[in-house]
Amino acid sequence: MPKVRVRKSKYISYLLRFIVAGAALYLAFRGENFTEVIDILLGLNLWIFAVAIGFYVIAQLIFVARWSLLLRVQSIDIGFWPAVRLHFLGLFYNNCLPGAIGGDLPRAWYVTKHTDKKLEAALSVFVDRAIGLTGMLIMAFGCYWFIPEESREGGFNFSFELNFFRHLAEYKTVFIWLGAAFAAVIVLLVSNSRGRMLLNRGFNIIRRHGVSILSKVRQSIRIYCHKWPAIVGALLLTFCCQGMTVMAMWLVASEIGIDVPVKYYFIFFPVSWLLGAVPISVGGLGIMEGWLKMMFMRVGTMSGKNALALALCQRLIFLIASLPGAIIHLMGAHLPKDFFIDYGEPVD
């Protein structure tokens, strides 16, 4: 019976996430002609689109290089290509599956199969995520505050006002429904007997092994702090991989005919990725698209259909680039044939 309840709760969670995604997509498409948006997508130069996908894939390889650097700080060497396979598996979980766990947990779980330093390897995934988020925020706020406003012929009127509470009030109904859906998911998970049993088991494990785990975590954090040049290098790689993705989208936008200063691409897209990471929709579906459409329409003079087409292009690029993760999963290529032997000291 508990297994049946867990399965029902999982399906209800999936259903709620699809409902949120559908509602967000409806709001994003509201007032737009669906056929016109599709015509813009179909009229996109395929070579430009292919180059944008190439930029995004290169950005993911830089992402893997960043993670590999953080692994080597802990004297863990699983090899670059195994790390690539694990990363694209996580990318597939992030962008293509409706679950709420995202891609970091599968990546953290499977990397422990490649090394005896399991806790340190899993911790590297979350340190990697923290550095990525930090780099994203630095990029967005830095571009907003320090890059001068670009001008164009005829002048550029920036009409967006940073009145946070006023904009929240405009979309209060949307936030209320999203909050209600999120609260319902939490209640369903907590009220489930199987879920409570797993929590109790987890607390018992923490009590039994907490001292050892905390000691390893402290040691790992101490190593990261001691090897701060590697952290700085990882942050610089973050700017590279995120910048490559933003430039890919700028390339597509130029083909579509969107004329917006480049600085706003480095603000709006990173924020859209942050919104997409919130587990209330399926891969941020509808949330990211609605945000990008609203922001680009506020700072530019393009129509909503062009801004929406750009947001959908980002979604298509994410999905296409994630497909290798499905192949990796089906072939079992994310699992090692045997364990690697870790040796040596942390990298300088």
Protein backbone atom coordinates (compact mmCIF):
# COMPACT_ATOMS: atom_id res chain seq x y z
CA MET A 1 0.00 0.00 0.00
CA PRO A 2 2.75 2.57 0.79
CA LYS A 3 4.29 1.94 -2.65
CA VAL A 4 0.93 2.59 -4.28
CA ARG A 5 0.61 5.86 -2.37
CA VAL A 6 4.11 6.94 -3.37
CA ARG A 7 3.31 6.22 -7.00
CA LYS A 8 0.07 8.19 -6.79
CA SER A 9 1.84 11.13 -5.15
CA LYS A 10 4.48 11.09 -7.87
CA TYR A 11 1.83 11.13 -10.60
CA ILE A 12 -0.05 13.94 -8.86
CA SER A 13 3.21 15.91 -8.62
CA TYR A 14 3.81 15.38 -12.35
CA LEU A 15 0.25 16.44 -13.12
CA LEU A 16 0.57 19.64 -11.12
CA ARG A 17 3.85 20.50 -12.83
CA PHE A 18 2.28 19.96 -16.25
CA ILE A 19 -0.68 22.12 -15.22
CA VAL A 20 1.68 24.92 -14.16
CA ALA A 21 3.60 24.56 -17.42
CA GLY A 22 0.37 24.67 -19.43
CA ALA A 23 -0.89 27.73 -17.57
CA ALA A 24 2.44 29.54 -18.01
CA LEU A 25 2.50 28.73 -21.73
CA TYR A 26 -1.07 29.98 -22.08
CA LEU A 27 -0.09 33.30 -20.48
CA ALA A 28 3.01 33.52 -22.68
CA PHE A 29 1.00 32.92 -25.88
CA ARG A 30 -1.97 35.04 -24.81
CA GLY A 31 -2.58 37.79 -27.33
CA GLU A 32 -0.27 36.23 -29.92
CA ASN A 33 -1.08 34.43 -33.16
CA PHE A 34 0.32 30.92 -32.76
CA THR A 35 0.63 30.44 -36.53
CA GLU A 36 2.71 33.61 -36.89
CA VAL A 37 5.08 32.48 -34.14
CA ILE A 38 5.53 29.11 -35.85
CA ASP A 39 6.13 30.84 -39.20
CA ILE A 40 8.98 32.82 -37.62
CA LEU A 41 10.52 29.61 -36.30
CA LEU A 42 10.17 27.83 -39.63
CA GLY A 43 11.70 30.80 -41.43
CA LEU A 44 14.83 30.71 -39.28
CA ASN A 45 18.03 30.02 -41.21
CA LEU A 46 18.94 26.42 -40.36
CA TRP A 47 22.67 27.15 -40.55
CA ILE A 48 22.31 29.93 -38.00
CA PHE A 49 20.28 27.63 -35.77
CA ALA A 50 22.90 24.87 -36.15
CA VAL A 51 25.70 27.29 -35.23
CA ALA A 52 23.72 28.36 -32.14
CA ILE A 53 23.38 24.71 -31.10
CA GLY A 54 27.13 24.33 -31.65
CA PHE A 55 27.80 27.32 -29.38
CA TYR A 56 25.58 25.80 -26.71
CA VAL A 57 27.30 22.41 -26.92
CA ILE A 58 30.72 24.08 -26.63
CA ALA A 59 29.38 25.92 -23.58
CA GLN A 60 28.44 22.57 -22.03
CA LEU A 61 31.96 21.23 -22.63
CA ILE A 62 33.33 24.29 -20.83
CA PHE A 63 30.86 23.48 -18.05
CA VAL A 64 32.36 19.98 -17.84
CA ALA A 65 35.88 21.44 -17.71
CA ARG A 66 34.78 23.55 -14.74
CA TRP A 67 33.37 20.53 -12.92
CA SER A 68 36.47 18.46 -13.72
CA LEU A 69 38.60 21.22 -12.19
CA LEU A 70 36.55 21.09 -8.99
CA LEU A 71 36.89 17.30 -8.90
CA ARG A 72 40.66 17.51 -9.28
CA VAL A 73 40.79 19.91 -6.34
CA GLN A 74 39.62 16.93 -4.28
CA SER A 75 42.17 14.62 -5.99
CA ILE A 76 39.40 12.91 -7.96
CA ASP A 77 40.05 12.10 -11.60
CA ILE A 78 37.23 10.30 -13.37
CA GLY A 79 38.36 11.40 -16.82
CA PHE A 80 36.97 14.16 -19.03
CA TRP A 81 34.69 12.03 -21.22
CA PRO A 82 33.04 10.16 -18.34
CA ALA A 83 32.35 13.62 -16.87
CA VAL A 84 30.89 14.68 -20.25
CA ARG A 85 28.55 11.68 -20.24
CA LEU A 86 27.42 12.38 -16.68
CA HIS A 87 26.85 16.04 -17.49
CA PHE A 88 24.71 15.33 -20.55
CA LEU A 89 22.75 12.78 -18.54
CA GLY A 90 22.01 15.53 -16.01
CA LEU A 91 21.15 17.90 -18.84
CA PHE A 92 18.61 15.39 -20.12
CA TYR A 93 17.02 15.09 -16.67
CA ASN A 94 16.91 18.89 -16.39
CA ASN A 95 15.37 19.69 -19.75
CA CYS A 96 13.37 16.66 -20.84
CA LEU A 97 11.92 14.90 -17.79
CA PRO A 98 9.06 16.10 -15.56
CA GLY A 99 10.60 15.00 -12.27
CA ALA A 100 11.43 17.49 -9.53
CA ILE A 101 14.96 16.21 -8.82
CA GLY A 102 16.62 18.07 -11.69
CA GLY A 103 19.94 17.03 -13.17
CA ASP A 104 22.26 17.67 -10.23
CA LEU A 105 21.10 14.75 -8.09
CA PRO A 106 21.53 12.09 -10.83
CA ARG A 107 24.93 13.56 -11.64
CA ALA A 108 25.91 13.54 -7.97
CA TRP A 109 24.65 9.98 -7.57
CA TYR A 110 26.33 8.49 -10.61
CA VAL A 111 29.67 10.25 -10.12
CA THR A 112 30.00 8.31 -6.86
CA LYS A 113 30.11 5.15 -8.98
CA HIS A 114 33.37 6.36 -10.55
CA THR A 115 35.38 6.94 -7.39
CA ASP A 116 35.88 5.79 -3.81
CA LYS A 117 35.67 9.40 -2.64
CA LYS A 118 31.91 9.39 -2.83
CA LEU A 119 31.04 12.27 -0.52
CA GLU A 120 33.70 14.55 -1.99
CA ALA A 121 32.56 13.73 -5.53
CA ALA A 122 28.91 14.39 -4.72
CA LEU A 123 29.83 17.62 -2.95
CA SER A 124 31.68 18.81 -6.06
CA VAL A 125 28.39 18.79 -7.98
CA PHE A 126 26.77 21.21 -5.53
CA VAL A 127 29.87 23.39 -5.30
CA ASP A 128 29.77 23.48 -9.09
CA ARG A 129 26.12 24.54 -8.98
CA ALA A 130 26.85 27.25 -6.40
CA ILE A 131 29.67 28.66 -8.53
CA GLY A 132 27.39 28.59 -11.57
CA LEU A 133 24.66 30.51 -9.77
CA THR A 134 27.19 32.99 -8.41
CA GLY A 135 28.60 33.58 -11.88
CA MET A 136 25.11 34.01 -13.29
CA LEU A 137 24.21 36.66 -10.72
CA ILE A 138 27.51 38.48 -11.18
CA MET A 139 26.97 38.51 -14.93
CA ALA A 140 23.38 39.75 -14.73
CA PHE A 141 23.95 42.47 -12.13
CA GLY A 142 27.33 43.46 -13.57
CA CYS A 143 25.87 43.95 -17.04
CA TYR A 144 22.95 45.94 -15.69
CA TRP A 145 24.92 48.32 -13.49
CA PHE A 146 28.28 48.71 -15.22
CA ILE A 147 27.79 48.32 -18.98
CA PRO A 148 26.68 51.67 -20.49
CA GLU A 149 23.39 51.84 -22.31
CA GLU A 150 23.92 51.12 -25.98
CA SER A 151 22.43 53.47 -28.49
CA ARG A 152 21.09 52.89 -31.95
CA GLU A 153 19.97 55.08 -34.79
CA GLY A 154 16.92 57.00 -33.75
CA GLY A 155 17.63 56.45 -30.09
CA PHE A 156 16.75 53.63 -27.75
CA ASN A 157 14.09 54.18 -25.14
CA PHE A 158 14.49 51.94 -22.14
CA SER A 159 11.03 51.92 -20.61
CA PHE A 160 11.48 49.14 -18.08
CA GLU A 161 11.01 50.37 -14.51
CA LEU A 162 12.45 48.44 -11.60
CA ASN A 163 9.32 48.74 -9.50
CA PHE A 164 9.32 45.20 -8.11
CA PHE A 165 6.13 45.30 -6.10
CA ARG A 166 4.13 46.97 -8.85
CA HIS A 167 5.09 44.25 -11.31
CA LEU A 168 4.26 41.60 -8.72
CA ALA A 169 0.82 43.14 -8.30
CA GLU A 170 0.22 42.96 -12.05
CA TYR A 171 0.74 39.20 -11.99
CA LYS A 172 -0.55 38.42 -8.50
CA THR A 173 -3.08 35.86 -9.76
CA VAL A 174 -0.33 33.92 -11.53
CA PHE A 175 1.87 33.93 -8.43
CA ILE A 176 -1.06 32.86 -6.24
CA TRP A 177 -1.78 29.85 -8.46
CA LEU A 178 1.90 28.95 -8.70
CA GLY A 179 2.27 29.23 -4.93
CA ALA A 180 -0.84 27.10 -4.37
CA ALA A 181 0.47 24.42 -6.75
CA PHE A 182 3.85 24.38 -5.03
CA ALA A 183 2.24 24.17 -1.59
CA ALA A 184 0.03 21.30 -2.76
CA VAL A 185 3.09 19.37 -3.95
CA ILE A 186 4.85 19.90 -0.62
CA VAL A 187 1.78 18.78 1.35
CA LEU A 188 1.38 15.66 -0.77
CA LEU A 189 5.00 14.70 -0.27
CA VAL A 190 5.08 15.37 3.48
CA SER A 191 1.72 13.68 4.17
CA ASN A 192 2.85 10.49 2.44
CA SER A 193 3.72 7.69 4.88
CA ARG A 194 6.49 6.41 2.64
CA GLY A 195 7.98 9.88 2.46
CA ARG A 196 7.89 10.27 6.24
CA MET A 197 9.50 6.87 6.65
CA LEU A 198 12.32 7.86 4.31
CA LEU A 199 12.80 11.11 6.23
CA ASN A 200 13.01 9.24 9.54
CA ARG A 201 15.49 6.80 8.03
CA GLY A 202 17.53 9.70 6.75
CA PHE A 203 17.57 11.35 10.17
CA ASN A 204 18.70 8.07 11.74
CA ILE A 205 21.52 7.74 9.23
CA ILE A 206 22.55 11.33 9.91
CA ARG A 207 22.62 10.66 13.63
CA ARG A 208 24.75 7.54 13.17
CA HIS A 209 27.13 8.90 10.56
CA GLY A 210 26.77 12.64 11.04
CA VAL A 211 30.14 13.21 12.68
CA SER A 212 32.05 11.42 9.94
CA ILE A 213 30.07 13.14 7.18
CA LEU A 214 30.49 16.60 8.70
CA SER A 215 34.20 15.98 9.11
CA LYS A 216 34.56 15.06 5.43
CA VAL A 217 32.45 18.04 4.36
CA ARG A 218 34.56 20.42 6.47
CA GLN A 219 37.72 18.93 5.02
CA SER A 220 36.41 19.28 1.48
CA ILE A 221 35.37 22.89 2.05
CA ARG A 222 38.76 23.60 3.64
CA ILE A 223 40.49 22.22 0.53
CA TYR A 224 38.30 24.38 -1.74
CA CYS A 225 39.10 27.47 0.34
CA HIS A 226 42.81 26.65 0.35
CA LYS A 227 42.81 26.14 -3.42
CA TRP A 228 41.06 29.45 -4.10
CA PRO A 229 42.84 29.97 -7.47
CA ALA A 230 40.97 26.90 -8.74
CA ILE A 231 37.69 28.46 -7.55
CA VAL A 232 38.53 31.70 -9.35
CA GLY A 233 39.34 29.67 -12.45
CA ALA A 234 36.01 27.86 -12.16
CA LEU A 235 34.24 31.23 -11.92
CA LEU A 236 36.01 32.46 -15.05
CA LEU A 237 34.96 29.27 -16.86
CA THR A 238 31.41 30.03 -15.72
CA PHE A 239 31.50 33.39 -17.49
CA CYS A 240 32.80 31.62 -20.61
CA CYS A 241 30.16 28.88 -20.74
CA GLN A 242 27.25 31.18 -19.90
CA GLY A 243 28.56 33.84 -22.26
CA MET A 244 28.72 31.30 -25.09
CA THR A 245 25.07 30.39 -24.52
CA VAL A 246 24.01 34.03 -24.43
CA MET A 247 25.88 34.75 -27.65
CA ALA A 248 24.18 31.75 -29.27
CA MET A 249 20.82 33.31 -28.43
CA TRP A 250 21.98 36.73 -29.66
CA LEU A 251 22.87 35.09 -32.98
CA VAL A 252 19.38 33.62 -33.27
CA ALA A 253 17.78 36.91 -32.22
CA SER A 254 19.68 38.80 -34.91
CA GLU A 255 18.38 36.33 -37.51
CA ILE A 256 14.81 36.78 -36.23
CA GLY A 257 15.15 40.55 -36.43
CA ILE A 258 15.27 41.47 -32.75
CA ASP A 259 17.22 44.69 -32.22
CA VAL A 260 18.02 44.98 -28.51
CA PRO A 261 21.33 46.07 -26.93
CA VAL A 262 23.55 43.07 -26.16
CA LYS A 263 23.76 43.92 -22.46
CA TYR A 264 20.15 42.88 -21.96
CA TYR A 265 20.84 39.40 -23.31
CA PHE A 266 23.37 38.99 -20.50
CA ILE A 267 20.70 40.03 -18.01
CA PHE A 268 17.49 38.38 -19.20
CA PHE A 269 18.78 34.95 -20.19
CA PRO A 270 20.68 34.19 -16.95
CA VAL A 271 17.64 35.24 -14.93
CA SER A 272 15.46 32.99 -17.12
CA TRP A 273 17.75 30.05 -16.29
CA LEU A 274 17.37 30.78 -12.60
CA LEU A 275 13.58 30.89 -12.93
CA GLY A 276 13.66 27.64 -14.91
CA ALA A 277 15.51 25.92 -12.08
CA VAL A 278 12.59 26.46 -9.68
CA PRO A 279 10.81 23.04 -9.58
CA ILE A 280 7.25 24.21 -10.19
CA SER A 281 7.07 23.45 -13.89
CA VAL A 282 8.49 20.89 -16.33
CA GLY A 283 12.00 22.16 -16.97
CA GLY A 284 10.78 25.71 -16.41
CA LEU A 285 8.46 25.34 -19.42
CA GLY A 286 6.33 28.44 -19.85
CA ILE A 287 8.05 30.27 -16.99
CA MET A 288 11.21 30.99 -18.96
CA GLU A 289 9.31 31.79 -22.15
CA GLY A 290 6.93 34.19 -20.42
CA TRP A 291 9.78 36.00 -18.66
CA LEU A 292 11.82 36.44 -21.84
CA LYS A 293 8.84 37.66 -23.84
CA MET A 294 7.88 40.19 -21.18
CA MET A 295 11.42 41.53 -20.70
CA PHE A 296 12.37 41.82 -24.38
CA MET A 297 9.10 43.58 -25.18
CA ARG A 298 9.78 46.09 -22.39
CA VAL A 299 13.25 47.08 -23.58
CA GLY A 300 12.71 46.79 -27.34
CA THR A 301 10.23 47.68 -30.00
CA MET A 302 9.73 44.19 -31.41
CA SER A 303 6.37 42.46 -31.39
CA GLY A 304 5.49 39.81 -28.84
CA LYS A 305 5.62 37.08 -31.48
CA ASN A 306 9.30 37.80 -32.19
CA ALA A 307 10.23 37.77 -28.52
CA LEU A 308 8.25 34.57 -27.99
CA ALA A 309 9.89 32.95 -31.01
CA LEU A 310 13.31 33.73 -29.51
CA ALA A 311 12.30 32.16 -26.20
CA LEU A 312 11.03 29.05 -28.00
CA CYS A 313 14.31 28.83 -29.93
CA GLN A 314 16.14 28.66 -26.62
CA ARG A 315 13.85 25.82 -25.56
CA LEU A 316 14.48 23.95 -28.82
CA ILE A 317 18.24 24.34 -28.46
CA PHE A 318 18.09 23.01 -24.90
CA LEU A 319 16.01 20.01 -25.94
CA ILE A 320 18.10 19.11 -28.98
CA ALA A 321 21.38 19.41 -27.07
CA SER A 322 19.94 17.23 -24.27
CA LEU A 323 19.11 14.28 -26.53
CA PRO A 324 22.59 12.70 -26.18
CA GLY A 325 21.76 12.30 -22.49
CA ALA A 326 18.87 9.98 -23.41
CA ILE A 327 21.21 7.84 -25.53
CA ILE A 328 23.76 7.76 -22.70
CA HIS A 329 21.06 6.63 -20.29
CA LEU A 330 19.71 3.91 -22.59
CA MET A 331 23.20 2.56 -23.32
CA GLY A 332 24.28 2.71 -19.67
CA ALA A 333 27.29 4.78 -20.72
CA HIS A 334 27.05 6.83 -17.52
CA LEU A 335 28.12 3.80 -15.46
CA PRO A 336 31.80 2.82 -15.22
CA LYS A 337 33.04 -0.64 -16.16
CA ASP A 338 35.13 -0.57 -13.01
CA PHE A 339 36.18 1.94 -10.38
CA PHE A 340 38.88 4.46 -11.06
CA ILE A 341 41.80 4.67 -8.63
CA ASP A 342 42.25 8.14 -7.19
CA TYR A 343 45.72 9.20 -6.28
CA GLY A 344 47.91 12.21 -5.83
CA GLU A 345 47.45 15.47 -4.05
CA PRO A 346 44.89 18.21 -4.73
CA VAL A 347 45.77 20.34 -7.74
CA ASP A 348 47.65 23.55 -7.17
